[in-house]
Amino acid sequence: ISHIDPLTLAWLLYDHGRLVRYMAKQALFEVPVLKR
């Protein structure tokens, strides 16, 4: 429900021994700074 929730999910997984990998929608790759 917020833009910070993916970061808190990564923190949950990290604290439970996993490294997170995200699936991202195509629109994120169309913004030059976000693409990098």
PDB file of all heavy atoms in Angstrom:
ATOM      1  N   ILE A   1       0.812  -1.212   0.000  1.00  0.00           N
ATOM      2  CA  ILE A   1       0.000   0.000   0.000  1.00  0.00           C
ATOM      3  C   ILE A   1       0.849   1.267   0.000  1.00  0.00           C
ATOM      4  O   ILE A   1       0.317   2.353  -0.084  1.00  0.00           O
ATOM      5  CB  ILE A   1      -0.976   0.008   1.197  1.00  0.00           C
ATOM      6  CG1 ILE A   1      -0.225  -0.126   2.507  1.00  0.00           C
ATOM      7  CG2 ILE A   1      -1.993  -1.098   1.049  1.00  0.00           C
ATOM      8  CD1 ILE A   1      -1.094   0.036   3.738  1.00  0.00           C
ATOM      9  N   SER A   2       2.161   1.104   0.105  1.00  0.00           N
ATOM     10  CA  SER A   2       3.030   2.279   0.052  1.00  0.00           C
ATOM     11  C   SER A   2       4.255   1.952  -0.794  1.00  0.00           C
ATOM     12  O   SER A   2       4.528   0.788  -1.099  1.00  0.00           O
ATOM     13  CB  SER A   2       3.456   2.712   1.457  1.00  0.00           C
ATOM     14  OG  SER A   2       4.450   1.852   1.957  1.00  0.00           O
ATOM     15  N   HIS A   3       5.001   2.974  -1.136  1.00  0.00           N
ATOM     16  CA  HIS A   3       6.197   2.784  -1.948  1.00  0.00           C
ATOM     17  C   HIS A   3       7.346   2.174  -1.152  1.00  0.00           C
ATOM     18  O   HIS A   3       8.321   1.704  -1.735  1.00  0.00           O
ATOM     19  CB  HIS A   3       6.648   4.112  -2.557  1.00  0.00           C
ATOM     20  CG  HIS A   3       5.662   4.667  -3.537  1.00  0.00           C
ATOM     21  ND1 HIS A   3       5.337   4.017  -4.698  1.00  0.00           N
ATOM     22  CD2 HIS A   3       4.909   5.792  -3.515  1.00  0.00           C
ATOM     23  CE1 HIS A   3       4.437   4.716  -5.366  1.00  0.00           C
ATOM     24  NE2 HIS A   3       4.160   5.803  -4.658  1.00  0.00           N
ATOM     25  N   ILE A   4       7.244   2.166   0.153  1.00  0.00           N
ATOM     26  CA  ILE A   4       8.313   1.617   0.991  1.00  0.00           C
ATOM     27  C   ILE A   4       8.109   0.122   1.275  1.00  0.00           C
ATOM     28  O   ILE A   4       9.029  -0.559   1.704  1.00  0.00           O
ATOM     29  CB  ILE A   4       8.438   2.435   2.290  1.00  0.00           C
ATOM     30  CG1 ILE A   4       9.833   2.313   2.854  1.00  0.00           C
ATOM     31  CG2 ILE A   4       7.418   2.017   3.303  1.00  0.00           C
ATOM     32  CD1 ILE A   4      10.146   3.346   3.897  1.00  0.00           C
ATOM     33  N   ASP A   5       6.927  -0.406   0.997  1.00  0.00           N
ATOM     34  CA  ASP A   5       6.641  -1.812   1.290  1.00  0.00           C
ATOM     35  C   ASP A   5       7.569  -2.805   0.604  1.00  0.00           C
ATOM     36  O   ASP A   5       7.950  -3.802   1.221  1.00  0.00           O
ATOM     37  CB  ASP A   5       5.181  -2.135   0.970  1.00  0.00           C
ATOM     38  CG  ASP A   5       4.216  -1.488   1.955  1.00  0.00           C
ATOM     39  OD1 ASP A   5       4.668  -1.052   3.027  1.00  0.00           O
ATOM     40  OD2 ASP A   5       3.014  -1.426   1.649  1.00  0.00           O
ATOM     41  N   PRO A   6       7.988  -2.601  -0.650  1.00  0.00           N
ATOM     42  CA  PRO A   6       8.962  -3.544  -1.232  1.00  0.00           C
ATOM     43  C   PRO A   6      10.284  -3.582  -0.454  1.00  0.00           C
ATOM     44  O   PRO A   6      10.922  -4.626  -0.372  1.00  0.00           O
ATOM     45  CB  PRO A   6       9.170  -3.017  -2.649  1.00  0.00           C
ATOM     46  CG  PRO A   6       7.910  -2.294  -2.968  1.00  0.00           C
ATOM     47  CD  PRO A   6       7.482  -1.675  -1.669  1.00  0.00           C
ATOM     48  N   LEU A   7      10.669  -2.462   0.134  1.00  0.00           N
ATOM     49  CA  LEU A   7      11.893  -2.442   0.934  1.00  0.00           C
ATOM     50  C   LEU A   7      11.712  -3.201   2.241  1.00  0.00           C
ATOM     51  O   LEU A   7      12.618  -3.900   2.694  1.00  0.00           O
ATOM     52  CB  LEU A   7      12.331  -1.006   1.207  1.00  0.00           C
ATOM     53  CG  LEU A   7      12.693  -0.175  -0.021  1.00  0.00           C
ATOM     54  CD1 LEU A   7      12.980   1.262   0.369  1.00  0.00           C
ATOM     55  CD2 LEU A   7      13.860  -0.787  -0.759  1.00  0.00           C
ATOM     56  N   THR A   8      10.540  -3.062   2.860  1.00  0.00           N
ATOM     57  CA  THR A   8      10.304  -3.807   4.096  1.00  0.00           C
ATOM     58  C   THR A   8      10.181  -5.304   3.814  1.00  0.00           C
ATOM     59  O   THR A   8      10.582  -6.120   4.639  1.00  0.00           O
ATOM     60  CB  THR A   8       9.064  -3.282   4.850  1.00  0.00           C
ATOM     61  OG1 THR A   8       7.934  -3.331   4.003  1.00  0.00           O
ATOM     62  CG2 THR A   8       9.277  -1.870   5.340  1.00  0.00           C
ATOM     63  N   LEU A   9       9.638  -5.673   2.654  1.00  0.00           N
ATOM     64  CA  LEU A   9       9.606  -7.090   2.270  1.00  0.00           C
ATOM     65  C   LEU A   9      11.028  -7.619   2.123  1.00  0.00           C
ATOM     66  O   LEU A   9      11.348  -8.712   2.593  1.00  0.00           O
ATOM     67  CB  LEU A   9       8.829  -7.291   0.969  1.00  0.00           C
ATOM     68  CG  LEU A   9       8.936  -8.691   0.378  1.00  0.00           C
ATOM     69  CD1 LEU A   9       8.288  -9.722   1.283  1.00  0.00           C
ATOM     70  CD2 LEU A   9       8.349  -8.734  -1.009  1.00  0.00           C
ATOM     71  N   ALA A  10      11.889  -6.851   1.468  1.00  0.00           N
ATOM     72  CA  ALA A  10      13.286  -7.271   1.312  1.00  0.00           C
ATOM     73  C   ALA A  10      13.947  -7.446   2.669  1.00  0.00           C
ATOM     74  O   ALA A  10      14.723  -8.382   2.882  1.00  0.00           O
ATOM     75  CB  ALA A  10      14.045  -6.246   0.481  1.00  0.00           C
ATOM     76  N   TRP A  11      13.635  -6.575   3.601  1.00  0.00           N
ATOM     77  CA  TRP A  11      14.185  -6.660   4.948  1.00  0.00           C
ATOM     78  C   TRP A  11      13.703  -7.928   5.650  1.00  0.00           C
ATOM     79  O   TRP A  11      14.480  -8.642   6.281  1.00  0.00           O
ATOM     80  CB  TRP A  11      13.789  -5.421   5.726  1.00  0.00           C
ATOM     81  CG  TRP A  11      14.351  -5.276   7.099  1.00  0.00           C
ATOM     82  CD1 TRP A  11      15.336  -6.015   7.684  1.00  0.00           C
ATOM     83  CD2 TRP A  11      13.967  -4.318   8.063  1.00  0.00           C
ATOM     84  NE1 TRP A  11      15.582  -5.569   8.945  1.00  0.00           N
ATOM     85  CE2 TRP A  11      14.747  -4.522   9.205  1.00  0.00           C
ATOM     86  CE3 TRP A  11      13.031  -3.298   8.075  1.00  0.00           C
ATOM     87  CZ2 TRP A  11      14.616  -3.753  10.343  1.00  0.00           C
ATOM     88  CZ3 TRP A  11      12.915  -2.529   9.215  1.00  0.00           C
ATOM     89  CH2 TRP A  11      13.690  -2.747  10.329  1.00  0.00           C
ATOM     90  N   LEU A  12      12.414  -8.228   5.525  1.00  0.00           N
ATOM     91  CA  LEU A  12      11.859  -9.460   6.106  1.00  0.00           C
ATOM     92  C   LEU A  12      12.585 -10.680   5.553  1.00  0.00           C
ATOM     93  O   LEU A  12      13.027 -11.554   6.313  1.00  0.00           O
ATOM     94  CB  LEU A  12      10.364  -9.569   5.795  1.00  0.00           C
ATOM     95  CG  LEU A  12       9.733 -10.945   6.034  1.00  0.00           C
ATOM     96  CD1 LEU A  12       9.546 -11.203   7.506  1.00  0.00           C
ATOM     97  CD2 LEU A  12       8.425 -11.074   5.293  1.00  0.00           C
ATOM     98  N   LEU A  13      12.731 -10.755   4.246  1.00  0.00           N
ATOM     99  CA  LEU A  13      13.399 -11.903   3.635  1.00  0.00           C
ATOM    100  C   LEU A  13      14.866 -11.970   4.037  1.00  0.00           C
ATOM    101  O   LEU A  13      15.397 -13.047   4.321  1.00  0.00           O
ATOM    102  CB  LEU A  13      13.249 -11.847   2.116  1.00  0.00           C
ATOM    103  CG  LEU A  13      11.827 -12.009   1.595  1.00  0.00           C
ATOM    104  CD1 LEU A  13      11.774 -11.788   0.097  1.00  0.00           C
ATOM    105  CD2 LEU A  13      11.260 -13.361   1.953  1.00  0.00           C
ATOM    106  N   TYR A  14      15.534 -10.831   4.080  1.00  0.00           N
ATOM    107  CA  TYR A  14      16.943 -10.778   4.477  1.00  0.00           C
ATOM    108  C   TYR A  14      17.129 -11.265   5.907  1.00  0.00           C
ATOM    109  O   TYR A  14      18.042 -12.038   6.192  1.00  0.00           O
ATOM    110  CB  TYR A  14      17.454  -9.344   4.315  1.00  0.00           C
ATOM    111  CG  TYR A  14      18.929  -9.190   4.572  1.00  0.00           C
ATOM    112  CD1 TYR A  14      19.848  -9.486   3.571  1.00  0.00           C
ATOM    113  CD2 TYR A  14      19.399  -8.744   5.795  1.00  0.00           C
ATOM    114  CE1 TYR A  14      21.207  -9.342   3.795  1.00  0.00           C
ATOM    115  CE2 TYR A  14      20.747  -8.599   6.023  1.00  0.00           C
ATOM    116  CZ  TYR A  14      21.657  -8.903   5.026  1.00  0.00           C
ATOM    117  OH  TYR A  14      22.990  -8.764   5.262  1.00  0.00           O
ATOM    118  N   ASP A  15      16.248 -10.832   6.802  1.00  0.00           N
ATOM    119  CA  ASP A  15      16.341 -11.262   8.198  1.00  0.00           C
ATOM    120  C   ASP A  15      15.999 -12.734   8.386  1.00  0.00           C
ATOM    121  O   ASP A  15      16.262 -13.300   9.442  1.00  0.00           O
ATOM    122  CB  ASP A  15      15.435 -10.412   9.089  1.00  0.00           C
ATOM    123  CG  ASP A  15      16.092  -9.114   9.529  1.00  0.00           C
ATOM    124  OD1 ASP A  15      17.269  -8.900   9.194  1.00  0.00           O
ATOM    125  OD2 ASP A  15      15.427  -8.319  10.211  1.00  0.00           O
ATOM    126  N   HIS A  16      15.416 -13.342   7.365  1.00  0.00           N
ATOM    127  CA  HIS A  16      15.095 -14.764   7.434  1.00  0.00           C
ATOM    128  C   HIS A  16      15.962 -15.580   6.479  1.00  0.00           C
ATOM    129  O   HIS A  16      15.586 -16.665   6.035  1.00  0.00           O
ATOM    130  CB  HIS A  16      13.609 -14.981   7.169  1.00  0.00           C
ATOM    131  CG  HIS A  16      12.761 -14.526   8.310  1.00  0.00           C
ATOM    132  ND1 HIS A  16      12.344 -13.218   8.430  1.00  0.00           N
ATOM    133  CD2 HIS A  16      12.296 -15.158   9.400  1.00  0.00           C
ATOM    134  CE1 HIS A  16      11.649 -13.082   9.543  1.00  0.00           C
ATOM    135  NE2 HIS A  16      11.608 -14.242  10.151  1.00  0.00           N
ATOM    136  N   GLY A  17      17.140 -15.033   6.149  1.00  0.00           N
ATOM    137  CA  GLY A  17      18.156 -15.790   5.441  1.00  0.00           C
ATOM    138  C   GLY A  17      18.050 -15.832   3.937  1.00  0.00           C
ATOM    139  O   GLY A  17      18.679 -16.676   3.301  1.00  0.00           O
ATOM    140  N   ARG A  18      17.268 -14.949   3.318  1.00  0.00           N
ATOM    141  CA  ARG A  18      17.105 -14.965   1.863  1.00  0.00           C
ATOM    142  C   ARG A  18      17.496 -13.619   1.271  1.00  0.00           C
ATOM    143  O   ARG A  18      17.322 -12.579   1.898  1.00  0.00           O
ATOM    144  CB  ARG A  18      15.639 -15.247   1.492  1.00  0.00           C
ATOM    145  CG  ARG A  18      15.064 -16.559   1.984  1.00  0.00           C
ATOM    146  CD  ARG A  18      15.789 -17.761   1.435  1.00  0.00           C
ATOM    147  NE  ARG A  18      15.714 -17.880   0.009  1.00  0.00           N
ATOM    148  CZ  ARG A  18      15.033 -18.810  -0.644  1.00  0.00           C
ATOM    149  NH1 ARG A  18      14.340 -19.708   0.013  1.00  0.00           N
ATOM    150  NH2 ARG A  18      15.049 -18.848  -1.951  1.00  0.00           N
ATOM    151  N   LEU A  19      18.003 -13.641   0.045  1.00  0.00           N
ATOM    152  CA  LEU A  19      18.236 -12.427  -0.719  1.00  0.00           C
ATOM    153  C   LEU A  19      17.083 -12.268  -1.696  1.00  0.00           C
ATOM    154  O   LEU A  19      16.675 -13.230  -2.340  1.00  0.00           O
ATOM    155  CB  LEU A  19      19.561 -12.497  -1.478  1.00  0.00           C
ATOM    156  CG  LEU A  19      20.823 -12.541  -0.620  1.00  0.00           C
ATOM    157  CD1 LEU A  19      22.061 -12.660  -1.491  1.00  0.00           C
ATOM    158  CD2 LEU A  19      20.924 -11.320   0.271  1.00  0.00           C
ATOM    159  N   VAL A  20      16.559 -11.079  -1.802  1.00  0.00           N
ATOM    160  CA  VAL A  20      15.373 -10.843  -2.618  1.00  0.00           C
ATOM    161  C   VAL A  20      15.764 -10.530  -4.060  1.00  0.00           C
ATOM    162  O   VAL A  20      16.792  -9.923  -4.330  1.00  0.00           O
ATOM    163  CB  VAL A  20      14.518  -9.702  -2.011  1.00  0.00           C
ATOM    164  CG1 VAL A  20      15.212  -8.373  -2.126  1.00  0.00           C
ATOM    165  CG2 VAL A  20      13.158  -9.648  -2.644  1.00  0.00           C
ATOM    166  N   ARG A  21      14.925 -10.988  -4.979  1.00  0.00           N
ATOM    167  CA  ARG A  21      15.012 -10.624  -6.395  1.00  0.00           C
ATOM    168  C   ARG A  21      13.616 -10.150  -6.773  1.00  0.00           C
ATOM    169  O   ARG A  21      12.632 -10.825  -6.484  1.00  0.00           O
ATOM    170  CB  ARG A  21      15.374 -11.820  -7.293  1.00  0.00           C
ATOM    171  CG  ARG A  21      16.606 -12.598  -6.898  1.00  0.00           C
ATOM    172  CD  ARG A  21      17.864 -11.786  -7.087  1.00  0.00           C
ATOM    173  NE  ARG A  21      19.101 -12.541  -7.048  1.00  0.00           N
ATOM    174  CZ  ARG A  21      19.665 -13.049  -5.982  1.00  0.00           C
ATOM    175  NH1 ARG A  21      19.068 -12.985  -4.832  1.00  0.00           N
ATOM    176  NH2 ARG A  21      20.836 -13.634  -6.047  1.00  0.00           N
ATOM    177  N   TYR A  22      13.525  -9.005  -7.422  1.00  0.00           N
ATOM    178  CA  TYR A  22      12.221  -8.449  -7.770  1.00  0.00           C
ATOM    179  C   TYR A  22      11.900  -8.672  -9.238  1.00  0.00           C
ATOM    180  O   TYR A  22      12.788  -8.664 -10.087  1.00  0.00           O
ATOM    181  CB  TYR A  22      12.187  -6.930  -7.522  1.00  0.00           C
ATOM    182  CG  TYR A  22      12.182  -6.551  -6.073  1.00  0.00           C
ATOM    183  CD1 TYR A  22      13.293  -5.966  -5.490  1.00  0.00           C
ATOM    184  CD2 TYR A  22      11.062  -6.762  -5.289  1.00  0.00           C
ATOM    185  CE1 TYR A  22      13.286  -5.597  -4.159  1.00  0.00           C
ATOM    186  CE2 TYR A  22      11.046  -6.397  -3.960  1.00  0.00           C
ATOM    187  CZ  TYR A  22      12.169  -5.822  -3.409  1.00  0.00           C
ATOM    188  OH  TYR A  22      12.156  -5.462  -2.098  1.00  0.00           O
ATOM    189  N   MET A  23      10.627  -8.834  -9.514  1.00  0.00           N
ATOM    190  CA  MET A  23      10.125  -8.752 -10.876  1.00  0.00           C
ATOM    191  C   MET A  23       9.618  -7.323 -11.025  1.00  0.00           C
ATOM    192  O   MET A  23       8.919  -6.815 -10.157  1.00  0.00           O
ATOM    193  CB  MET A  23       8.986  -9.748 -11.088  1.00  0.00           C
ATOM    194  CG  MET A  23       9.441 -11.179 -11.066  1.00  0.00           C
ATOM    195  SD  MET A  23       8.099 -12.360 -11.215  1.00  0.00           S
ATOM    196  CE  MET A  23       7.371 -11.908 -12.749  1.00  0.00           C
ATOM    197  N   ALA A  24       9.998  -6.672 -12.107  1.00  0.00           N
ATOM    198  CA  ALA A  24       9.622  -5.272 -12.295  1.00  0.00           C
ATOM    199  C   ALA A  24       8.843  -5.106 -13.592  1.00  0.00           C
ATOM    200  O   ALA A  24       9.100  -5.799 -14.575  1.00  0.00           O
ATOM    201  CB  ALA A  24      10.873  -4.396 -12.332  1.00  0.00           C
ATOM    202  N   LYS A  25       7.915  -4.184 -13.575  1.00  0.00           N
ATOM    203  CA  LYS A  25       7.146  -3.940 -14.789  1.00  0.00           C
ATOM    204  C   LYS A  25       7.963  -3.117 -15.783  1.00  0.00           C
ATOM    205  O   LYS A  25       8.896  -2.391 -15.416  1.00  0.00           O
ATOM    206  CB  LYS A  25       5.818  -3.276 -14.463  1.00  0.00           C
ATOM    207  CG  LYS A  25       5.909  -1.908 -13.838  1.00  0.00           C
ATOM    208  CD  LYS A  25       4.523  -1.411 -13.510  1.00  0.00           C
ATOM    209  CE  LYS A  25       4.562   0.009 -12.991  1.00  0.00           C
ATOM    210  NZ  LYS A  25       3.223   0.513 -12.759  1.00  0.00           N
ATOM    211  N   GLN A  26       7.609  -3.225 -17.036  1.00  0.00           N
ATOM    212  CA  GLN A  26       8.349  -2.614 -18.132  1.00  0.00           C
ATOM    213  C   GLN A  26       8.488  -1.096 -17.973  1.00  0.00           C
ATOM    214  O   GLN A  26       9.500  -0.519 -18.342  1.00  0.00           O
ATOM    215  CB  GLN A  26       7.670  -2.938 -19.470  1.00  0.00           C
ATOM    216  CG  GLN A  26       8.367  -2.369 -20.686  1.00  0.00           C
ATOM    217  CD  GLN A  26       9.779  -2.901 -20.872  1.00  0.00           C
ATOM    218  OE1 GLN A  26      10.059  -4.051 -20.570  1.00  0.00           O
ATOM    219  NE2 GLN A  26      10.667  -2.053 -21.363  1.00  0.00           N
ATOM    220  N   ALA A  27       7.481  -0.444 -17.413  1.00  0.00           N
ATOM    221  CA  ALA A  27       7.509   1.017 -17.296  1.00  0.00           C
ATOM    222  C   ALA A  27       8.721   1.512 -16.492  1.00  0.00           C
ATOM    223  O   ALA A  27       9.226   2.607 -16.744  1.00  0.00           O
ATOM    224  CB  ALA A  27       6.216   1.509 -16.656  1.00  0.00           C
ATOM    225  N   LEU A  28       9.210   0.727 -15.542  1.00  0.00           N
ATOM    226  CA  LEU A  28      10.377   1.140 -14.759  1.00  0.00           C
ATOM    227  C   LEU A  28      11.637   1.199 -15.609  1.00  0.00           C
ATOM    228  O   LEU A  28      12.558   1.952 -15.317  1.00  0.00           O
ATOM    229  CB  LEU A  28      10.589   0.190 -13.583  1.00  0.00           C
ATOM    230  CG  LEU A  28       9.504   0.206 -12.511  1.00  0.00           C
ATOM    231  CD1 LEU A  28       9.787  -0.842 -11.455  1.00  0.00           C
ATOM    232  CD2 LEU A  28       9.383   1.574 -11.870  1.00  0.00           C
ATOM    233  N   PHE A  29      11.700   0.395 -16.667  1.00  0.00           N
ATOM    234  CA  PHE A  29      12.876   0.370 -17.526  1.00  0.00           C
ATOM    235  C   PHE A  29      12.853   1.472 -18.578  1.00  0.00           C
ATOM    236  O   PHE A  29      13.802   1.635 -19.330  1.00  0.00           O
ATOM    237  CB  PHE A  29      13.004  -0.995 -18.208  1.00  0.00           C
ATOM    238  CG  PHE A  29      13.336  -2.106 -17.242  1.00  0.00           C
ATOM    239  CD1 PHE A  29      12.332  -2.886 -16.701  1.00  0.00           C
ATOM    240  CD2 PHE A  29      14.646  -2.349 -16.871  1.00  0.00           C
ATOM    241  CE1 PHE A  29      12.637  -3.904 -15.809  1.00  0.00           C
ATOM    242  CE2 PHE A  29      14.953  -3.353 -15.977  1.00  0.00           C
ATOM    243  CZ  PHE A  29      13.944  -4.133 -15.449  1.00  0.00           C
ATOM    244  N   GLU A  30      11.773   2.220 -18.651  1.00  0.00           N
ATOM    245  CA  GLU A  30      11.659   3.291 -19.638  1.00  0.00           C
ATOM    246  C   GLU A  30      12.129   4.644 -19.106  1.00  0.00           C
ATOM    247  O   GLU A  30      12.318   5.575 -19.864  1.00  0.00           O
ATOM    248  CB  GLU A  30      10.213   3.372 -20.134  1.00  0.00           C
ATOM    249  CG  GLU A  30       9.815   2.119 -20.905  1.00  0.00           C
ATOM    250  CD  GLU A  30       8.337   2.038 -21.200  1.00  0.00           C
ATOM    251  OE1 GLU A  30       7.587   2.950 -20.795  1.00  0.00           O
ATOM    252  OE2 GLU A  30       7.935   1.048 -21.826  1.00  0.00           O
ATOM    253  N   VAL A  31      12.319   4.760 -17.801  1.00  0.00           N
ATOM    254  CA  VAL A  31      12.835   5.980 -17.179  1.00  0.00           C
ATOM    255  C   VAL A  31      14.348   5.802 -17.030  1.00  0.00           C
ATOM    256  O   VAL A  31      14.788   4.874 -16.346  1.00  0.00           O
ATOM    257  CB  VAL A  31      12.178   6.215 -15.800  1.00  0.00           C
ATOM    258  CG1 VAL A  31      12.724   7.460 -15.151  1.00  0.00           C
ATOM    259  CG2 VAL A  31      10.671   6.274 -15.937  1.00  0.00           C
ATOM    260  N   PRO A  32      15.160   6.652 -17.687  1.00  0.00           N
ATOM    261  CA  PRO A  32      16.613   6.422 -17.732  1.00  0.00           C
ATOM    262  C   PRO A  32      17.283   6.212 -16.370  1.00  0.00           C
ATOM    263  O   PRO A  32      18.081   5.299 -16.214  1.00  0.00           O
ATOM    264  CB  PRO A  32      17.148   7.679 -18.419  1.00  0.00           C
ATOM    265  CG  PRO A  32      16.010   8.179 -19.243  1.00  0.00           C
ATOM    266  CD  PRO A  32      14.769   7.836 -18.466  1.00  0.00           C
ATOM    267  N   VAL A  33      16.986   7.031 -15.379  1.00  0.00           N
ATOM    268  CA  VAL A  33      17.630   6.898 -14.069  1.00  0.00           C
ATOM    269  C   VAL A  33      17.176   5.612 -13.387  1.00  0.00           C
ATOM    270  O   VAL A  33      17.997   4.850 -12.860  1.00  0.00           O
ATOM    271  CB  VAL A  33      17.334   8.129 -13.181  1.00  0.00           C
ATOM    272  CG1 VAL A  33      17.898   7.941 -11.795  1.00  0.00           C
ATOM    273  CG2 VAL A  33      17.896   9.387 -13.819  1.00  0.00           C
ATOM    274  N   LEU A  34      15.880   5.345 -13.394  1.00  0.00           N
ATOM    275  CA  LEU A  34      15.371   4.122 -12.787  1.00  0.00           C
ATOM    276  C   LEU A  34      15.883   2.881 -13.499  1.00  0.00           C
ATOM    277  O   LEU A  34      16.117   1.855 -12.868  1.00  0.00           O
ATOM    278  CB  LEU A  34      13.834   4.118 -12.779  1.00  0.00           C
ATOM    279  CG  LEU A  34      13.160   4.978 -11.734  1.00  0.00           C
ATOM    280  CD1 LEU A  34      11.650   4.925 -11.900  1.00  0.00           C
ATOM    281  CD2 LEU A  34      13.549   4.540 -10.344  1.00  0.00           C
ATOM    282  N   LYS A  35      16.056   2.965 -14.791  1.00  0.00           N
ATOM    283  CA  LYS A  35      16.546   1.827 -15.569  1.00  0.00           C
ATOM    284  C   LYS A  35      17.898   1.363 -15.043  1.00  0.00           C
ATOM    285  O   LYS A  35      18.129   0.166 -14.863  1.00  0.00           O
ATOM    286  CB  LYS A  35      16.657   2.214 -17.041  1.00  0.00           C
ATOM    287  CG  LYS A  35      17.146   1.114 -17.941  1.00  0.00           C
ATOM    288  CD  LYS A  35      17.197   1.594 -19.370  1.00  0.00           C
ATOM    289  CE  LYS A  35      17.689   0.520 -20.302  1.00  0.00           C
ATOM    290  NZ  LYS A  35      17.714   0.964 -21.689  1.00  0.00           N
ATOM    291  N   ARG A  36      18.777   2.300 -14.758  1.00  0.00           N
ATOM    292  CA  ARG A  36      20.106   1.941 -14.237  1.00  0.00           C
ATOM    293  C   ARG A  36      20.025   1.330 -12.846  1.00  0.00           C
ATOM    294  O   ARG A  36      20.747   0.399 -12.528  1.00  0.00           O
ATOM    295  CB  ARG A  36      21.010   3.168 -14.219  1.00  0.00           C
ATOM    296  CG  ARG A  36      21.309   3.702 -15.606  1.00  0.00           C
ATOM    297  CD  ARG A  36      22.314   4.806 -15.517  1.00  0.00           C
ATOM    298  NE  ARG A  36      23.599   4.230 -15.146  1.00  0.00           N
ATOM    299  CZ  ARG A  36      24.666   4.248 -15.926  1.00  0.00           C
ATOM    300  NH1 ARG A  36      24.606   4.840 -17.089  1.00  0.00           N
ATOM    301  NH2 ARG A  36      25.792   3.725 -15.518  1.00  0.00           N
TER     302      ARG A  36
END
